[in-house]
C-alpha atoms as a PDB file:
ATOM      1  CA  MET A   1     -11.546  -7.809 -20.482  1.00  0.00           C
ATOM      2  CA  SER A   2      -8.092  -8.822 -19.259  1.00  0.00           C
ATOM      3  CA  GLN A   3      -7.543 -12.061 -17.399  1.00  0.00           C
ATOM      4  CA  GLN A   4      -6.561 -10.115 -14.266  1.00  0.00           C
ATOM      5  CA  SER A   5      -9.750  -8.024 -14.244  1.00  0.00           C
ATOM      6  CA  ALA A   6     -11.815 -11.132 -14.931  1.00  0.00           C
ATOM      7  CA  VAL A   7     -10.539 -12.933 -11.858  1.00  0.00           C
ATOM      8  CA  ARG A   8     -10.097 -10.030  -9.425  1.00  0.00           C
ATOM      9  CA  HIS A   9     -12.425 -10.349  -6.447  1.00  0.00           C
ATOM     10  CA  THR A  10     -14.976  -7.613  -5.964  1.00  0.00           C
ATOM     11  CA  LEU A  11     -15.513  -5.862  -2.651  1.00  0.00           C
ATOM     12  CA  PHE A  12     -18.708  -7.887  -2.161  1.00  0.00           C
ATOM     13  CA  GLU A  13     -16.872 -11.157  -2.829  1.00  0.00           C
ATOM     14  CA  ASP A  14     -14.157 -10.268  -0.337  1.00  0.00           C
ATOM     15  CA  ALA A  15     -16.780  -9.224   2.226  1.00  0.00           C
ATOM     16  CA  GLN A  16     -18.711 -12.501   2.003  1.00  0.00           C
ATOM     17  CA  ALA A  17     -15.470 -14.460   2.292  1.00  0.00           C
ATOM     18  CA  ILE A  18     -14.457 -12.567   5.433  1.00  0.00           C
ATOM     19  CA  LEU A  19     -17.925 -13.079   6.925  1.00  0.00           C
ATOM     20  CA  VAL A  20     -18.285 -16.768   6.027  1.00  0.00           C
ATOM     21  CA  ALA A  21     -14.780 -18.252   6.345  1.00  0.00           C
ATOM     22  CA  PRO A  22     -14.321 -17.473  10.068  1.00  0.00           C
ATOM     23  CA  LEU A  23     -17.693 -19.105  10.726  1.00  0.00           C
ATOM     24  CA  PHE A  24     -16.416 -22.396   9.279  1.00  0.00           C
ATOM     25  CA  VAL A  25     -13.344 -22.132  11.497  1.00  0.00           C
ATOM     26  CA  ALA A  26     -15.437 -21.201  14.551  1.00  0.00           C
ATOM     27  CA  LEU A  27     -17.551 -24.328  14.008  1.00  0.00           C
ATOM     28  CA  ALA A  28     -14.316 -26.306  13.859  1.00  0.00           C
ATOM     29  CA  VAL A  29     -13.184 -24.712  17.131  1.00  0.00           C
ATOM     30  CA  LEU A  30     -16.525 -25.676  18.688  1.00  0.00           C
ATOM     31  CA  LEU A  31     -16.069 -29.307  17.642  1.00  0.00           C
ATOM     32  CA  PHE A  32     -12.444 -29.422  18.772  1.00  0.00           C
ATOM     33  CA  ARG A  33     -13.354 -27.953  22.158  1.00  0.00           C
ATOM     34  CA  HIS A  34     -16.366 -30.237  22.666  1.00  0.00           C
ATOM     35  CA  ALA A  35     -14.160 -33.264  21.953  1.00  0.00           C
ATOM     36  CA  GLY A  36     -11.334 -31.980  24.171  1.00  0.00           C
ATOM     37  CA  LEU A  37      -8.946 -31.643  21.213  1.00  0.00           C
ATOM     38  CA  LEU A  38      -6.879 -28.899  19.603  1.00  0.00           C
ATOM     39  CA  THR A  39      -5.048 -28.151  16.364  1.00  0.00           C
ATOM     40  CA  GLY A  40      -1.935 -26.363  15.159  1.00  0.00           C
ATOM     41  CA  GLY A  41      -1.219 -22.723  14.421  1.00  0.00           C
ATOM     42  CA  THR A  42      -2.358 -19.773  16.470  1.00  0.00           C
ATOM     43  CA  ILE A  43      -5.645 -21.533  17.198  1.00  0.00           C
ATOM     44  CA  GLY A  44      -3.658 -24.357  18.744  1.00  0.00           C
ATOM     45  CA  ILE A  45      -1.775 -21.901  20.978  1.00  0.00           C
ATOM     46  CA  ALA A  46      -5.119 -20.430  22.079  1.00  0.00           C
ATOM     47  CA  PHE A  47      -6.352 -23.945  22.899  1.00  0.00           C
ATOM     48  CA  LEU A  48      -3.249 -24.693  24.963  1.00  0.00           C
ATOM     49  CA  ILE A  49      -3.749 -21.552  27.039  1.00  0.00           C
ATOM     50  CA  HIS A  50      -7.493 -22.227  27.293  1.00  0.00           C
ATOM     51  CA  TYR A  51      -6.977 -25.763  28.630  1.00  0.00           C
ATOM     52  CA  ILE A  52      -4.510 -24.458  31.241  1.00  0.00           C
ATOM     53  CA  SER A  53      -6.308 -21.260  32.282  1.00  0.00           C
ATOM     54  CA  HIS A  54      -9.923 -21.769  31.099  1.00  0.00           C
ATOM     55  CA  TRP A  55      -9.829 -18.269  29.615  1.00  0.00           C
ATOM     56  CA  PRO A  56     -12.256 -17.772  26.684  1.00  0.00           C
ATOM     57  CA  ILE A  57     -10.800 -19.014  23.404  1.00  0.00           C
ATOM     58  CA  GLY A  58     -12.309 -16.142  21.423  1.00  0.00           C
ATOM     59  CA  TRP A  59     -10.533 -13.497  23.489  1.00  0.00           C
ATOM     60  CA  LEU A  60      -7.309 -15.499  23.394  1.00  0.00           C
ATOM     61  CA  LEU A  61      -7.445 -15.696  19.597  1.00  0.00           C
ATOM     62  CA  PHE A  62      -7.897 -11.937  19.352  1.00  0.00           C
ATOM     63  CA  ILE A  63      -5.143 -11.050  21.836  1.00  0.00           C
ATOM     64  CA  ILE A  64      -2.543 -13.539  20.579  1.00  0.00           C
ATOM     65  CA  ASN A  65      -2.841 -12.135  17.060  1.00  0.00           C
ATOM     66  CA  LEU A  66      -2.302  -8.483  18.030  1.00  0.00           C
ATOM     67  CA  PRO A  67       1.518  -8.467  17.754  1.00  0.00           C
ATOM     68  CA  PHE A  68       1.467  -9.968  14.279  1.00  0.00           C
ATOM     69  CA  TYR A  69      -0.389  -7.241  12.371  1.00  0.00           C
ATOM     70  CA  TYR A  70       2.751  -5.122  12.093  1.00  0.00           C
ATOM     71  CA  LEU A  71       4.451  -8.009  10.304  1.00  0.00           C
ATOM     72  CA  ALA A  72       1.352  -8.424   8.129  1.00  0.00           C
ATOM     73  CA  VAL A  73       1.617  -4.834   6.929  1.00  0.00           C
ATOM     74  CA  ARG A  74       5.349  -5.176   6.258  1.00  0.00           C
ATOM     75  CA  SER A  75       5.172  -8.514   4.484  1.00  0.00           C
ATOM     76  CA  MET A  76       1.792  -8.446   2.715  1.00  0.00           C
ATOM     77  CA  GLY A  77       0.584  -4.833   2.748  1.00  0.00           C
ATOM     78  CA  TRP A  78      -2.308  -2.948   4.318  1.00  0.00           C
ATOM     79  CA  PRO A  79      -5.176  -4.671   2.408  1.00  0.00           C
ATOM     80  CA  PHE A  80      -4.028  -8.100   3.595  1.00  0.00           C
ATOM     81  CA  ALA A  81      -3.508  -6.841   7.156  1.00  0.00           C
ATOM     82  CA  LEU A  82      -6.941  -5.200   7.353  1.00  0.00           C
ATOM     83  CA  LYS A  83      -8.752  -8.232   5.927  1.00  0.00           C
ATOM     84  CA  THR A  84      -6.865 -10.442   8.354  1.00  0.00           C
ATOM     85  CA  LEU A  85      -7.771  -8.185  11.296  1.00  0.00           C
ATOM     86  CA  LEU A  86     -11.445  -8.371  10.318  1.00  0.00           C
ATOM     87  CA  SER A  87     -11.268 -12.148   9.877  1.00  0.00           C
ATOM     88  CA  VAL A  88      -9.612 -12.725  13.256  1.00  0.00           C
ATOM     89  CA  SER A  89     -12.042 -10.360  14.993  1.00  0.00           C
ATOM     90  CA  LEU A  90     -15.030 -12.181  13.521  1.00  0.00           C
ATOM     91  CA  LEU A  91     -13.522 -15.551  14.435  1.00  0.00           C
ATOM     92  CA  ALA A  92     -13.165 -14.356  18.034  1.00  0.00           C
ATOM     93  CA  ILE A  93     -16.795 -13.185  18.094  1.00  0.00           C
ATOM     94  CA  TYR A  94     -18.165 -16.298  16.381  1.00  0.00           C
ATOM     95  CA  THR A  95     -16.196 -18.559  18.737  1.00  0.00           C
ATOM     96  CA  GLU A  96     -17.800 -16.962  21.780  1.00  0.00           C
ATOM     97  CA  VAL A  97     -21.320 -16.730  20.325  1.00  0.00           C
ATOM     98  CA  LEU A  98     -21.686 -20.187  18.749  1.00  0.00           C
ATOM     99  CA  PRO A  99     -21.943 -22.148  22.034  1.00  0.00           C
ATOM    100  CA  SER A 100     -25.139 -20.204  22.773  1.00  0.00           C
ATOM    101  CA  LEU A 101     -26.547 -21.116  19.354  1.00  0.00           C
ATOM    102  CA  ILE A 102     -25.530 -24.771  19.134  1.00  0.00           C
ATOM    103  CA  SER A 103     -25.768 -27.416  21.835  1.00  0.00           C
ATOM    104  CA  LEU A 104     -23.741 -30.587  21.286  1.00  0.00           C
ATOM    105  CA  ASN A 105     -24.824 -33.483  23.472  1.00  0.00           C
ATOM    106  CA  SER A 106     -22.574 -36.168  22.033  1.00  0.00           C
ATOM    107  CA  VAL A 107     -20.075 -36.441  19.190  1.00  0.00           C
ATOM    108  CA  ASP A 108     -17.635 -39.170  18.229  1.00  0.00           C
ATOM    109  CA  ARG A 109     -14.164 -37.804  18.957  1.00  0.00           C
ATOM    110  CA  LEU A 110     -12.553 -39.212  15.804  1.00  0.00           C
ATOM    111  CA  PHE A 111     -15.330 -37.741  13.675  1.00  0.00           C
ATOM    112  CA  ALA A 112     -14.951 -34.424  15.512  1.00  0.00           C
ATOM    113  CA  ALA A 113     -11.207 -34.378  14.809  1.00  0.00           C
ATOM    114  CA  VAL A 114     -11.569 -35.112  11.095  1.00  0.00           C
ATOM    115  CA  MET A 115     -14.629 -32.948  10.471  1.00  0.00           C
ATOM    116  CA  ALA A 116     -13.232 -30.012  12.434  1.00  0.00           C
ATOM    117  CA  GLY A 117      -9.988 -30.318  10.489  1.00  0.00           C
ATOM    118  CA  PHE A 118     -11.888 -30.294   7.191  1.00  0.00           C
ATOM    119  CA  MET A 119     -14.001 -27.272   8.191  1.00  0.00           C
ATOM    120  CA  ALA A 120     -11.004 -25.307   9.430  1.00  0.00           C
ATOM    121  CA  GLY A 121      -9.181 -26.150   6.207  1.00  0.00           C
ATOM    122  CA  VAL A 122     -12.094 -24.933   4.075  1.00  0.00           C
ATOM    123  CA  GLY A 123     -12.306 -21.710   6.066  1.00  0.00           C
ATOM    124  CA  LEU A 124      -8.585 -21.053   5.729  1.00  0.00           C
ATOM    125  CA  LEU A 125      -8.695 -21.916   2.023  1.00  0.00           C
ATOM    126  CA  ILE A 126     -11.433 -19.323   1.447  1.00  0.00           C
ATOM    127  CA  LEU A 127      -9.360 -16.674   3.193  1.00  0.00           C
ATOM    128  CA  ILE A 128      -6.195 -17.598   1.294  1.00  0.00           C
ATOM    129  CA  ARG A 129      -8.036 -17.188  -1.989  1.00  0.00           C
ATOM    130  CA  HIS A 130      -9.171 -13.731  -0.916  1.00  0.00           C
ATOM    131  CA  LYS A 131      -5.702 -12.626   0.197  1.00  0.00           C
ATOM    132  CA  ALA A 132      -6.402 -12.834   3.929  1.00  0.00           C
ATOM    133  CA  SER A 133      -5.556 -15.152   6.805  1.00  0.00           C
ATOM    134  CA  LEU A 134      -6.257 -15.828  10.442  1.00  0.00           C
ATOM    135  CA  GLY A 135      -3.027 -14.112  11.381  1.00  0.00           C
ATOM    136  CA  GLY A 136      -0.550 -15.273  13.960  1.00  0.00           C
ATOM    137  CA  LEU A 137       1.974 -17.899  12.961  1.00  0.00           C
ATOM    138  CA  GLY A 138       0.809 -17.785   9.347  1.00  0.00           C
ATOM    139  CA  ILE A 139       1.935 -14.160   9.131  1.00  0.00           C
ATOM    140  CA  LEU A 140       5.195 -14.888  10.930  1.00  0.00           C
ATOM    141  CA  VAL A 141       6.222 -17.708   8.606  1.00  0.00           C
ATOM    142  CA  ILE A 142       5.394 -15.598   5.526  1.00  0.00           C
ATOM    143  CA  HIS A 143       7.467 -12.739   6.965  1.00  0.00           C
ATOM    144  CA  LEU A 144      10.418 -15.057   7.644  1.00  0.00           C
ATOM    145  CA  GLN A 145      10.147 -16.503   4.154  1.00  0.00           C
ATOM    146  CA  ASN A 146      10.185 -13.014   2.624  1.00  0.00           C
ATOM    147  CA  THR A 147      13.005 -11.667   4.806  1.00  0.00           C
ATOM    148  CA  ARG A 148      15.158 -14.740   5.531  1.00  0.00           C
ATOM    149  CA  GLY A 149      14.304 -17.061   2.669  1.00  0.00           C
ATOM    150  CA  TRP A 150      13.082 -19.772   5.015  1.00  0.00           C
ATOM    151  CA  ARG A 151      10.409 -22.069   3.552  1.00  0.00           C
ATOM    152  CA  ALA A 152       7.000 -21.079   4.949  1.00  0.00           C
ATOM    153  CA  GLY A 153       5.549 -24.577   4.627  1.00  0.00           C
ATOM    154  CA  LYS A 154       8.360 -26.173   6.607  1.00  0.00           C
ATOM    155  CA  LEU A 155       8.242 -23.450   9.261  1.00  0.00           C
ATOM    156  CA  GLN A 156       4.495 -23.868   9.678  1.00  0.00           C
ATOM    157  CA  MET A 157       4.860 -27.625   9.943  1.00  0.00           C
ATOM    158  CA  ALA A 158       7.603 -27.275  12.560  1.00  0.00           C
ATOM    159  CA  ALA A 159       5.459 -24.847  14.577  1.00  0.00           C
ATOM    160  CA  ASP A 160       2.469 -27.200  14.442  1.00  0.00           C
ATOM    161  CA  VAL A 161       4.624 -30.118  15.608  1.00  0.00           C
ATOM    162  CA  LEU A 162       5.841 -28.070  18.586  1.00  0.00           C
ATOM    163  CA  ILE A 163       2.290 -27.019  19.504  1.00  0.00           C
ATOM    164  CA  LEU A 164       0.962 -30.555  19.332  1.00  0.00           C
ATOM    165  CA  ALA A 165       4.003 -31.837  21.238  1.00  0.00           C
ATOM    166  CA  ALA A 166       3.314 -29.271  23.968  1.00  0.00           C
ATOM    167  CA  ALA A 167      -0.230 -30.622  24.166  1.00  0.00           C
ATOM    168  CA  ALA A 168       1.211 -33.893  25.460  1.00  0.00           C
ATOM    169  CA  PHE A 169       1.943 -32.137  28.779  1.00  0.00           C
ATOM    170  CA  ILE A 170      -1.681 -31.089  29.366  1.00  0.00           C
ATOM    171  CA  ARG A 171      -3.805 -33.579  27.405  1.00  0.00           C
ATOM    172  CA  ASP A 172      -3.978 -37.364  27.449  1.00  0.00           C
ATOM    173  CA  PRO A 173      -2.270 -39.392  24.672  1.00  0.00           C
ATOM    174  CA  LEU A 174      -5.551 -40.237  22.934  1.00  0.00           C
ATOM    175  CA  SER A 175      -6.526 -36.559  22.752  1.00  0.00           C
ATOM    176  CA  VAL A 176      -3.121 -35.659  21.343  1.00  0.00           C
ATOM    177  CA  GLY A 177      -3.348 -38.445  18.773  1.00  0.00           C
ATOM    178  CA  LEU A 178      -6.812 -37.367  17.653  1.00  0.00           C
ATOM    179  CA  SER A 179      -5.629 -33.756  17.517  1.00  0.00           C
ATOM    180  CA  ILE A 180      -2.827 -34.803  15.174  1.00  0.00           C
ATOM    181  CA  ILE A 181      -5.409 -36.488  12.925  1.00  0.00           C
ATOM    182  CA  GLY A 182      -7.435 -33.265  12.914  1.00  0.00           C
ATOM    183  CA  ALA A 183      -4.367 -31.219  11.994  1.00  0.00           C
ATOM    184  CA  LEU A 184      -3.584 -33.642   9.164  1.00  0.00           C
ATOM    185  CA  ALA A 185      -7.165 -33.334   7.879  1.00  0.00           C
ATOM    186  CA  LEU A 186      -6.835 -29.537   7.891  1.00  0.00           C
ATOM    187  CA  ASN A 187      -3.541 -29.577   6.005  1.00  0.00           C
ATOM    188  CA  LEU A 188      -4.885 -32.126   3.524  1.00  0.00           C
ATOM    189  CA  VAL A 189      -7.621 -29.694   2.470  1.00  0.00           C
ATOM    190  CA  ILE A 190      -5.074 -26.908   1.968  1.00  0.00           C
ATOM    191  CA  ALA A 191      -2.519 -29.102   0.181  1.00  0.00           C
ATOM    192  CA  VAL A 192      -4.999 -30.618  -2.279  1.00  0.00           C
ATOM    193  CA  ASN A 193      -7.000 -27.482  -3.047  1.00  0.00           C
ATOM    194  CA  HIS A 194      -4.417 -24.705  -2.936  1.00  0.00           C
ATOM    195  CA  LYS A 195      -1.849 -25.047  -5.696  1.00  0.00           C
ATOM    196  CA  SER A 196       0.097 -22.228  -7.297  1.00  0.00           C
ATOM    197  CA  GLY A 197      -1.309 -21.267 -10.683  1.00  0.00           C
ATOM    198  CA  ARG A 198      -4.546 -23.212 -10.305  1.00  0.00           C
ATOM    199  CA  TYR A 199      -6.526 -20.374  -8.779  1.00  0.00           C
ATOM    200  CA  MET A 200      -5.455 -16.869  -9.680  1.00  0.00           C
ATOM    201  CA  GLY A 201      -8.160 -14.818  -7.963  1.00  0.00           C
ATOM    202  CA  ILE A 202      -6.764 -11.692  -6.373  1.00  0.00           C
END
């Protein structure tokens, strides 16, 4: 058995990843929302719109991602785009359903920021390892890296900084500060656990 066939994910493995990973992220969204916080990326954009308009976050996540699937097909191919579409759709559903399944009476806001960041990071890490994503800005930065040569990591960081800076206009300074801590916790999980060559599952 070749190394590639030994590490290639089966259809079942991909399916469980797509079912489970968005649930971790939806739990993170629930914690962020309960604590009045937000994070970076497309989820952060959805939070910004939610705090201004009070529109449902799940629907916002689904709608915001729609324009990016074309770029996903161009940059990463149809399998990646389809798995990402399924992941985003499930995240939207989970985000709207979870509040009816879990009732949070009280949670420390610092703990919520860190724990939500960790859970979102784990969910994203699972999807990365199964060649999927939660779409949006992640797709855009990959596309720009492939077509323009711009560094995806730096682009993503710049986008997150802009999103969290925009939060300063609609959230109080403490909420913004805690949101930054949550975003750092998320990126810490990705940075420590996702290194090129360490995990070759495709």
